[in-house]
């Protein structure tokens, strides 16, 4: 059985409606689930909610810091947007909802947002933890960094079941094993060592003229 998965630079995502919906909800919940704002739309920074709920373009600027640095080296004065380029982020629809009309898609997203806000409100009621609020967020130093960060490794795969996770993990383990075996043969001089499909063999040592 062929298995097709979507892959980003770090995590393989199983093509399952539940996984896609869960990941979209996770992205939309940023700021609300941490009790920083009460509603998803309240987040004062960059957020996809407005674009997904209302169809508004998600626009901003890309600042060419290299050109700004060169201008400062020349001691030239310039407007803050002199070396800025307007950019619009195009949000692709979820694969499982790609055939929906724009109105229906927005209704589905609105349903996710409502669930997020209701769950966050219930959690605040349980813990008695207040919302930080927009004013307090904007008053924060953007360069502030806490002394301790609670880190956890990103998952290799996002799947709807353990059996699918196990299938992907076993396939990945096989891939790593075959790659290492071929790399050892290559280092030993076997230029025809078979690497698994989709891999990039390590570079050979430089040979001078």
Foldseek 3Di string as FASTA:
>chain_A
DDADWDDDPFATEGLDPVLLLVVVLVQQLVCLLVLQDLASVQAPDQHCLCCLQPVDWRKDKDADVVVVVVCVVVVHDDDRCPRIDMDTDDDQDRPVCNPPDSNVRNVSVVVSRVVSSVVSVVVCVVVVDHRNGDVNVVPDDPPDDDPDDDDDDDDHYGDPDVVVVVVVVVVVVVLVVLLVVLLVVVVVPPPPRDHDPPDDHDDDDDDDD
